[in-house]
Every structure is written in structure tokens, then in C-alpha cells.
């Protein structure tokens, strides 16, 4: 009897229909959701009758003017409500359900993330489940993915860019930070005279820019040293600042008469550069044998970490090697430079606070 009372009045209305037609309605609530969530489809034929619904996962529904059905959504779909409004005339409305994979995911980064004033970095971003991305800090951020060049700040500091990506399920944001650090110090060192013909007093001086400390004293200075055949060679100064460390070299050459010497007591000027304690470090595990006569090396704390480092030259290979020491050991070759036949070609070595191979810069100088 209940089913009869639902359907028969609608049929009777169709037989004796007259008056204004009220538009049917249908919709999903909610109409945008994630896969696996539930939604409810609600329809109302209003003044129509003999309505049917197509497009739902459960299959067609017939002869129901109004109603609702709740189900778990897995894919997007379109449902249609069709109702007869007069003899042989029908109205049809549709409703769209959008199923998304979830909230957008966003990645954003600067490369490199640390730069000096005047340098540029590349801002890159990508997203999924998003229709578009934007940034309040940079109006050039447009689209679901992309990259653009960003200039560093003129002073030390950091700048953060937040990228927000919006999709059907909502908005997700990700931030990337670009840090501007002071440049590594520039350091120069000179010796006068740099070629000697007899034991004499040599004037050494150094200067730096962007340094707060140098291992020889202030950020600039000079000293005199009596130099003879046995003390000619390579001299250095290492200066450190907020942007890292730089080591500069100068060389004093002997052009006087050669002196005979015993290898047990003195280091030959044609084999190894004189070091402070006369000991030859063991680098055989790195494929370097400093005991070979052709090898030359200089000791010093290049990155100011309190440990002795090495600058090694192999004239046969025409290569120089930088080996950073750790607690009296030399674990790895941190950088190699090709095309070096003499230590006097190396003007300075710049090392950032991290001291990685990519953060070591060797500046060459060919003295004629």
C-alpha cells in the first residue's frame, strides 16, 4: 500500500497535468572528495513524475520521483535524473562527482641553496594533484611545475619563498630558503726579493679582504726573514672570514751556487718542499708516495680547523692534490688540479667552512 501511495499520485498528476512546471534537481553532497570517501546523491523530480536515475555505481533507479542514496566513491562520474513532465515530454538534469587522489603534494628548492652576493640561484618546484601554483613572494611562480633564476640578496641573510599549489581537494604549501653568505676572503702574499743568489733578508707581506683573522697575525701585515739555500721554497698565509678560508702562497727561489747535502739530514730542493718538522706524511693509501724524489708538498692548516693539511705536487702527472687532515690522518684527496708542474703556479686556495671538494677553489698564477 505504501508503494502504491508513492507512485499512483504521480501517475495521476501525469494524466490530469496542468499548471507551472517546477525544475527537477539532483546533486552529490559532497561533489568533490578523495577516493574511498562517501558521498550522497540526492534527487527531486519536483512536478515531474515517472523519474529514473542513471550513472550511479549501484545501477539504474526507476519510478522514483525523489530520493537519496549514499555510497563509497572510487572514480569520478556523472549521474542523470530524467522525469516526465507532461504527456510525452521529459526533463533531464545531470550532476557531476569529482574524485581526486588527495591533497596536492608540493616540492620546492633552491639550487644552490647558499650563494654569495651577486650570484644567482635556481628556484624549482613541482606538484601533483594540483591545477596551479603561485607564490606571494615571487609573482613569476606560475604553473604546476617550473624553475626560474633568482638573484641573491645584496647583503648576508636568508630569503624564504613559499609556493602554494591548489587542486580539487584543497591547497598545499612548501617553502624553500636561499641563504646569502659573505664571499670567501681574497688573500694575496708576496716576497721581495723572490729570487735570491746568496743568503739574504726577505721581506714578506700579505693583505686580505673579507677576512677577520689570518694565521700570521692580523688581516694584513709583513715580516722579515733571513732566507738561505735551505729555507727557500713556498711560504703561505691562511685567512678566515664569515665566508670561509683562503690560503695564499708566495715562493722564494735560490739562484746561487748549489750546495751538497746529505739526504739523512736535509730535504733536497729538487724533491720535497721543506716542512716544519721534516717528517714525510704517509699517503700511500691514497696512491701517493711522498718518498719519491719527484714529489713535492707543503704543510699547513688550509681550512683553519686545527689539523695539518697538505698541498702535494706530482710533476710527472702534472697534478696537484689537496688533502685535508683530520686528527693527524689524511682520509681522502679532497681536490685534484690538472696542468700543474710547479707549486709556484698556485697563487691561492680558497676553502669554504664546509671544506667539501666542491667548496675548494684553486687560483693559478704563471710567473714568467
Protein backbone atom coordinates (compact mmCIF):
# COMPACT_ATOMS: atom_id res chain seq x y z
CA UNK A 1 0.00 0.00 0.00
CA UNK A 2 2.92 2.37 0.79
CA UNK A 3 4.47 1.84 -2.68
CA UNK A 4 1.07 2.43 -4.27
CA UNK A 5 0.64 5.75 -2.47
CA UNK A 6 4.10 6.89 -3.72
CA UNK A 7 3.67 6.07 -7.40
CA UNK A 8 -0.05 6.40 -8.17
CA UNK A 9 -0.42 10.13 -7.32
CA UNK A 10 2.49 10.85 -9.68
CA UNK A 11 0.76 8.88 -12.44
CA UNK A 12 -2.49 10.68 -11.75
CA UNK A 13 -0.67 14.01 -11.94
CA UNK A 14 0.61 12.97 -15.36
CA UNK A 15 -2.90 12.23 -16.58
CA UNK A 16 -4.51 15.46 -15.35
CA UNK A 17 -1.33 17.67 -15.52
CA UNK A 18 -1.80 21.42 -15.90
CA UNK A 19 -0.01 24.46 -14.47
CA UNK A 20 3.62 25.60 -13.89
CA UNK A 21 6.46 23.07 -14.18
CA UNK A 22 8.99 23.17 -11.32
CA UNK A 23 12.52 22.21 -12.46
CA UNK A 24 13.91 18.93 -11.15
CA UNK A 25 17.16 18.95 -9.14
CA UNK A 26 19.94 16.46 -8.48
CA UNK A 27 23.37 16.65 -6.88
CA UNK A 28 26.16 14.94 -4.96
CA UNK A 29 26.97 16.03 -1.40
CA UNK A 30 29.90 16.48 -1.28
CA UNK A 31 30.63 16.67 -5.00
CA UNK A 32 34.48 16.75 -4.65
CA UNK A 33 36.16 14.16 -2.46
CA UNK A 34 39.05 11.73 -2.19
CA UNK A 35 38.85 8.18 -3.44
CA UNK A 36 37.38 5.90 -0.76
CA UNK A 37 35.26 8.60 0.89
CA UNK A 38 31.44 8.56 0.95
CA UNK A 39 29.01 10.88 -0.79
CA UNK A 40 25.23 11.13 -1.02
CA UNK A 41 23.31 11.60 -4.26
CA UNK A 42 20.00 13.43 -3.70
CA UNK A 43 17.36 13.99 -6.38
CA UNK A 44 13.91 15.55 -6.57
CA UNK A 45 11.72 15.45 -9.67
CA UNK A 46 9.57 18.31 -8.33
CA UNK A 47 6.46 18.50 -10.59
CA UNK A 48 7.70 15.69 -12.82
CA UNK A 49 6.79 12.03 -12.50
CA UNK A 50 7.98 8.59 -13.53
CA UNK A 51 11.60 9.65 -12.79
CA UNK A 52 14.67 7.50 -13.32
CA UNK A 53 18.34 7.88 -12.32
CA UNK A 54 21.29 6.61 -14.38
CA UNK A 55 25.05 6.64 -13.84
CA UNK A 56 25.33 5.55 -10.21
CA UNK A 57 27.65 2.67 -9.22
CA UNK A 58 24.67 0.67 -7.90
CA UNK A 59 22.91 0.78 -11.29
CA UNK A 60 19.76 2.50 -12.63
CA UNK A 61 16.86 3.53 -10.38
CA UNK A 62 13.36 3.58 -11.89
CA UNK A 63 9.98 5.12 -10.98
CA UNK A 64 11.20 7.22 -8.03
CA UNK A 65 10.40 10.92 -8.19
CA UNK A 66 12.68 11.79 -5.32
CA UNK A 67 15.15 10.06 -3.03
CA UNK A 68 18.78 9.70 -1.93
CA UNK A 69 21.49 7.09 -1.95
CA UNK A 70 24.86 7.05 -0.15
CA UNK A 71 27.89 5.15 -1.46
CA UNK A 72 31.71 4.99 -1.36
CA UNK A 73 33.18 6.87 -4.32
CA UNK A 74 36.14 5.42 -6.20
CA UNK A 75 36.09 7.30 -9.52
CA UNK A 76 34.59 10.46 -10.93
CA UNK A 77 31.17 10.07 -12.57
CA UNK A 78 28.12 11.86 -13.92
CA UNK A 79 24.58 10.92 -12.81
CA UNK A 80 21.43 11.89 -14.74
CA UNK A 81 17.86 12.39 -13.48
CA UNK A 82 15.11 12.01 -16.14
CA UNK A 83 11.46 12.86 -15.36
CA UNK A 84 8.30 13.08 -17.47
CA UNK A 85 6.66 16.49 -17.08
CA UNK A 86 3.69 16.06 -19.44
CA UNK A 87 2.41 13.55 -21.92
CA UNK A 88 5.49 12.55 -23.93
CA UNK A 89 7.66 15.40 -22.63
CA UNK A 90 10.66 14.92 -20.32
CA UNK A 91 13.14 17.00 -18.37
CA UNK A 92 16.74 15.90 -17.70
CA UNK A 93 19.34 17.21 -15.24
CA UNK A 94 22.85 15.93 -14.53
CA UNK A 95 25.18 16.06 -11.53
CA UNK A 96 28.99 15.72 -11.58
CA UNK A 97 31.02 13.90 -8.92
CA UNK A 98 34.78 14.57 -8.89
CA UNK A 99 37.07 12.07 -7.17
CA UNK A 100 40.65 13.23 -6.61
CA UNK A 101 43.73 11.36 -5.45
CA UNK A 102 44.18 13.60 -2.41
CA UNK A 103 45.57 16.96 -1.42
CA UNK A 104 48.26 18.38 -3.68
CA UNK A 105 51.87 17.47 -2.94
CA UNK A 106 54.49 20.18 -3.45
CA UNK A 107 58.28 20.20 -3.58
CA UNK A 108 60.31 23.40 -3.73
CA UNK A 109 64.05 24.04 -3.52
CA UNK A 110 66.84 26.49 -4.34
CA UNK A 111 69.97 25.23 -6.13
CA UNK A 112 72.43 26.18 -4.87
CA UNK A 113 70.81 26.96 -1.54
CA UNK A 114 73.78 29.06 -0.38
CA UNK A 115 75.25 31.82 -2.54
CA UNK A 116 77.34 34.97 -2.26
CA UNK A 117 76.04 38.47 -3.07
CA UNK A 118 75.78 38.98 -6.82
CA UNK A 119 75.27 35.30 -7.59
CA UNK A 120 72.05 33.68 -8.81
CA UNK A 121 70.24 30.55 -7.68
CA UNK A 122 67.56 28.47 -9.41
CA UNK A 123 64.18 28.09 -7.71
CA UNK A 124 62.43 24.87 -8.79
CA UNK A 125 59.04 23.49 -7.86
CA UNK A 126 56.77 20.61 -8.83
CA UNK A 127 53.39 19.32 -7.69
CA UNK A 128 50.83 16.54 -8.04
CA UNK A 129 47.03 16.71 -7.79
CA UNK A 130 47.24 20.47 -8.41
CA UNK A 131 45.79 22.73 -11.08
CA UNK A 132 48.12 25.67 -10.48
CA UNK A 133 50.83 27.01 -8.15
CA UNK A 134 51.68 30.54 -7.04
CA UNK A 135 53.84 32.41 -4.54
CA UNK A 136 53.17 35.60 -2.62
CA UNK A 137 56.92 36.31 -2.57
CA UNK A 138 57.52 35.79 -6.30
CA UNK A 139 54.85 36.56 -8.89
CA UNK A 140 56.84 34.66 -11.54
CA UNK A 141 55.86 31.33 -9.94
CA UNK A 142 53.11 30.12 -12.31
CA UNK A 143 52.00 26.63 -13.28
CA UNK A 144 52.09 23.20 -11.68
CA UNK A 145 55.88 22.98 -12.06
CA UNK A 146 58.74 25.10 -13.26
CA UNK A 147 62.02 26.81 -12.45
CA UNK A 148 63.38 30.34 -12.57
CA UNK A 149 66.57 32.22 -11.76
CA UNK A 150 66.55 34.26 -8.55
CA UNK A 151 69.26 36.82 -7.67
CA UNK A 152 70.84 36.64 -4.25
CA UNK A 153 70.40 39.39 -1.71
CA UNK A 154 73.00 42.15 -1.71
CA UNK A 155 73.82 41.51 1.95
CA UNK A 156 74.19 38.40 4.08
CA UNK A 157 70.92 36.85 5.21
CA UNK A 158 68.20 34.49 4.01
CA UNK A 159 65.05 34.76 1.95
CA UNK A 160 62.20 32.27 2.06
CA UNK A 161 59.80 31.62 -0.81
CA UNK A 162 56.55 29.79 -0.09
CA UNK A 163 54.86 28.07 -3.03
CA UNK A 164 51.17 27.19 -2.71
CA UNK A 165 49.54 24.70 -5.09
CA UNK A 166 45.78 24.33 -5.36
CA UNK A 167 43.79 21.36 -6.65
CA UNK A 168 40.26 19.98 -6.36
CA UNK A 169 40.93 18.65 -2.85
CA UNK A 170 42.47 21.83 -1.45
CA UNK A 171 45.77 23.72 -1.17
CA UNK A 172 49.24 22.61 -0.01
CA UNK A 173 52.25 24.88 0.57
CA UNK A 174 56.00 24.26 0.65
CA UNK A 175 58.81 26.71 1.45
CA UNK A 176 62.38 26.97 0.15
CA UNK A 177 65.11 29.15 1.67
CA UNK A 178 68.01 30.84 -0.11
CA UNK A 179 70.88 31.87 2.15
CA UNK A 180 73.30 34.61 1.17
CA UNK A 181 76.71 34.42 2.84
CA UNK A 182 79.67 36.75 2.55
CA UNK A 183 82.17 35.76 -0.15
CA UNK A 184 85.27 33.87 0.85
CA UNK A 185 88.19 36.15 1.67
CA UNK A 186 90.58 37.24 -1.03
CA UNK A 187 94.19 36.97 0.10
CA UNK A 188 97.49 37.89 -1.51
CA UNK A 189 101.07 37.31 -0.34
CA UNK A 190 104.36 38.44 -1.80
CA UNK A 191 108.07 38.09 -1.17
CA UNK A 192 110.78 40.59 -2.05
CA UNK A 193 113.15 39.57 -3.40
CA UNK A 194 111.59 36.32 -4.60
CA UNK A 195 114.82 35.14 -6.24
CA UNK A 196 117.98 35.18 -4.11
CA UNK A 197 121.60 34.50 -5.08
CA UNK A 198 123.04 34.36 -1.55
CA UNK A 199 121.68 34.26 2.00
CA UNK A 200 119.73 37.48 2.48
CA UNK A 201 116.85 39.08 4.31
CA UNK A 202 113.49 38.70 2.50
CA UNK A 203 110.52 40.98 3.04
CA UNK A 204 107.19 39.08 3.19
CA UNK A 205 103.82 40.84 3.18
CA UNK A 206 100.18 39.82 2.96
CA UNK A 207 96.82 41.51 2.57
CA UNK A 208 93.24 40.27 2.70
CA UNK A 209 89.69 41.41 2.08
CA UNK A 210 86.66 39.90 3.83
CA UNK A 211 88.78 38.16 6.50
CA UNK A 212 88.57 38.52 10.26
CA UNK A 213 91.72 36.57 11.10
CA UNK A 214 94.96 35.40 9.46
CA UNK A 215 97.27 32.78 10.92
CA UNK A 216 100.28 35.11 10.61
CA UNK A 217 98.59 37.77 12.70
CA UNK A 218 96.20 40.50 11.53
CA UNK A 219 94.24 40.61 8.32
CA UNK A 220 97.24 42.39 6.75
CA UNK A 221 100.87 42.61 7.76
CA UNK A 222 104.51 41.96 6.98
CA UNK A 223 107.64 40.38 8.39
CA UNK A 224 111.33 39.95 7.55
CA UNK A 225 113.09 36.61 7.47
CA UNK A 226 116.66 35.61 6.79
CA UNK A 227 116.49 33.13 3.92
CA UNK A 228 119.29 30.91 2.65
CA UNK A 229 119.55 27.94 0.31
CA UNK A 230 117.87 25.60 2.78
CA UNK A 231 114.94 27.85 3.67
CA UNK A 232 113.90 28.90 0.18
CA UNK A 233 110.63 27.43 -1.01
CA UNK A 234 106.93 28.07 -0.50
CA UNK A 235 105.50 30.34 2.18
CA UNK A 236 101.81 30.73 2.89
CA UNK A 237 99.21 32.64 4.85
CA UNK A 238 95.67 31.44 5.62
CA UNK A 239 92.94 33.99 6.34
CA UNK A 240 89.46 33.18 7.60
CA UNK A 241 86.20 35.13 7.46
CA UNK A 242 82.43 34.52 7.61
CA UNK A 243 82.53 33.14 4.06
CA UNK A 244 85.28 30.56 4.67
CA UNK A 245 89.07 30.38 4.42
CA UNK A 246 91.59 31.27 1.73
CA UNK A 247 95.27 30.35 1.63
CA UNK A 248 97.69 32.42 -0.45
CA UNK A 249 101.21 31.36 -1.40
CA UNK A 250 104.43 33.04 -2.35
CA UNK A 251 107.70 31.43 -3.38
CA UNK A 252 111.36 32.25 -2.81
CA UNK A 253 113.83 30.70 -5.23
CA UNK A 254 117.56 30.07 -4.89
CA UNK A 255 119.57 31.01 -7.93
CA UNK A 256 123.02 30.88 -6.32
CA UNK A 257 125.58 28.08 -6.29
CA UNK A 258 124.20 24.66 -5.36
CA UNK A 259 125.33 23.10 -2.08
CA UNK A 260 125.88 19.43 -1.49
CA UNK A 261 123.73 17.95 1.28
CA UNK A 262 123.06 14.63 2.94
CA UNK A 263 119.58 13.25 2.42
CA UNK A 264 119.51 11.95 6.00
CA UNK A 265 119.74 15.43 7.44
CA UNK A 266 118.32 17.79 4.83
CA UNK A 267 115.50 17.69 2.32
CA UNK A 268 116.64 18.13 -1.27
CA UNK A 269 115.32 21.25 -3.01
CA UNK A 270 114.61 19.06 -6.04
CA UNK A 271 112.48 16.57 -4.15
CA UNK A 272 110.29 17.89 -1.37
CA UNK A 273 109.43 21.33 -0.14
CA UNK A 274 110.79 21.91 3.33
CA UNK A 275 108.19 21.26 6.03
CA UNK A 276 108.17 22.41 9.62
CA UNK A 277 109.14 19.13 11.27
CA UNK A 278 110.91 17.39 8.38
CA UNK A 279 108.53 14.39 8.54
CA UNK A 280 107.09 12.96 5.35
CA UNK A 281 103.37 12.10 5.70
CA UNK A 282 102.18 8.67 4.60
CA UNK A 283 99.69 8.96 1.72
CA UNK A 284 100.26 5.55 0.16
CA UNK A 285 96.64 4.56 0.90
CA UNK A 286 95.65 7.41 -1.44
CA UNK A 287 98.01 6.23 -4.18
CA UNK A 288 100.56 8.96 -3.40
CA UNK A 289 104.13 8.17 -2.32
CA UNK A 290 105.75 11.33 -0.99
CA UNK A 291 109.06 9.50 -0.54
CA UNK A 292 109.61 9.56 -4.30
CA UNK A 293 112.17 12.17 -5.29
CA UNK A 294 109.90 13.86 -7.80
CA UNK A 295 107.15 14.57 -5.24
CA UNK A 296 106.80 17.96 -3.58
CA UNK A 297 104.48 19.03 -0.80
CA UNK A 298 103.62 21.89 1.55
CA UNK A 299 102.12 21.50 5.01
CA UNK A 300 99.70 23.94 6.59
CA UNK A 301 96.26 24.31 8.13
CA UNK A 302 94.40 25.29 4.96
CA UNK A 303 90.87 25.28 6.41
CA UNK A 304 91.80 26.51 9.91
CA UNK A 305 90.28 23.51 11.67
CA UNK A 306 93.36 22.89 13.82
CA UNK A 307 94.65 19.94 11.75
CA UNK A 308 97.58 19.87 9.36
CA UNK A 309 96.67 19.74 5.65
CA UNK A 310 98.77 19.03 2.56
CA UNK A 311 99.29 20.59 -0.85
CA UNK A 312 101.01 17.91 -2.95
CA UNK A 313 102.57 18.18 -6.41
CA UNK A 314 103.34 15.27 -8.73
CA UNK A 315 105.28 16.82 -11.64
CA UNK A 316 105.18 13.56 -13.60
CA UNK A 317 101.38 13.53 -13.65
CA UNK A 318 101.28 17.35 -13.80
CA UNK A 319 98.77 17.32 -10.98
CA UNK A 320 98.40 19.00 -7.61
CA UNK A 321 96.40 17.41 -4.79
CA UNK A 322 94.76 19.00 -1.77
CA UNK A 323 94.48 16.61 1.18
CA UNK A 324 92.69 17.89 4.29
CA UNK A 325 93.90 16.28 7.50
CA UNK A 326 91.75 15.01 10.35
CA UNK A 327 93.36 14.29 13.73
CA UNK A 328 96.74 13.53 12.17
CA UNK A 329 95.29 11.35 9.41
CA UNK A 330 94.63 12.01 5.75
CA UNK A 331 91.41 10.16 4.83
CA UNK A 332 90.91 11.33 1.24
CA UNK A 333 92.06 13.50 -1.63
CA UNK A 334 89.73 16.47 -1.35
CA UNK A 335 90.59 18.06 -4.69
CA UNK A 336 92.95 17.48 -7.60
CA UNK A 337 94.10 20.11 -10.10
CA UNK A 338 95.46 19.17 -13.51
CA UNK A 339 98.07 21.03 -15.50
CA UNK A 340 100.32 21.89 -12.57
CA UNK A 341 104.06 21.38 -13.00
CA UNK A 342 105.33 23.65 -10.22
CA UNK A 343 103.99 24.79 -6.87
CA UNK A 344 104.64 28.40 -7.80
CA UNK A 345 101.74 28.18 -10.27
CA UNK A 346 99.35 28.09 -7.32
CA UNK A 347 98.50 31.59 -6.15
CA UNK A 348 95.86 30.78 -3.54
CA UNK A 349 93.48 28.11 -2.27
CA UNK A 350 90.01 29.10 -1.08
CA UNK A 351 88.08 26.74 1.18
CA UNK A 352 84.52 27.29 2.44
CA UNK A 353 83.56 26.41 6.03
CA UNK A 354 82.21 23.01 4.86
CA UNK A 355 85.52 22.11 3.20
CA UNK A 356 83.96 19.75 0.63
CA UNK A 357 85.64 19.23 -2.74
CA UNK A 358 83.09 21.43 -4.48
CA UNK A 359 83.83 24.21 -1.99
CA UNK A 360 87.59 24.37 -2.72
CA UNK A 361 88.81 26.87 -5.31
CA UNK A 362 92.40 26.89 -6.55
CA UNK A 363 93.63 30.09 -8.20
CA UNK A 364 96.59 29.63 -10.54
CA UNK A 365 99.34 32.04 -11.45
CA UNK A 366 102.02 31.57 -14.10
CA UNK A 367 105.05 33.61 -13.16
CA UNK A 368 107.29 34.42 -16.10
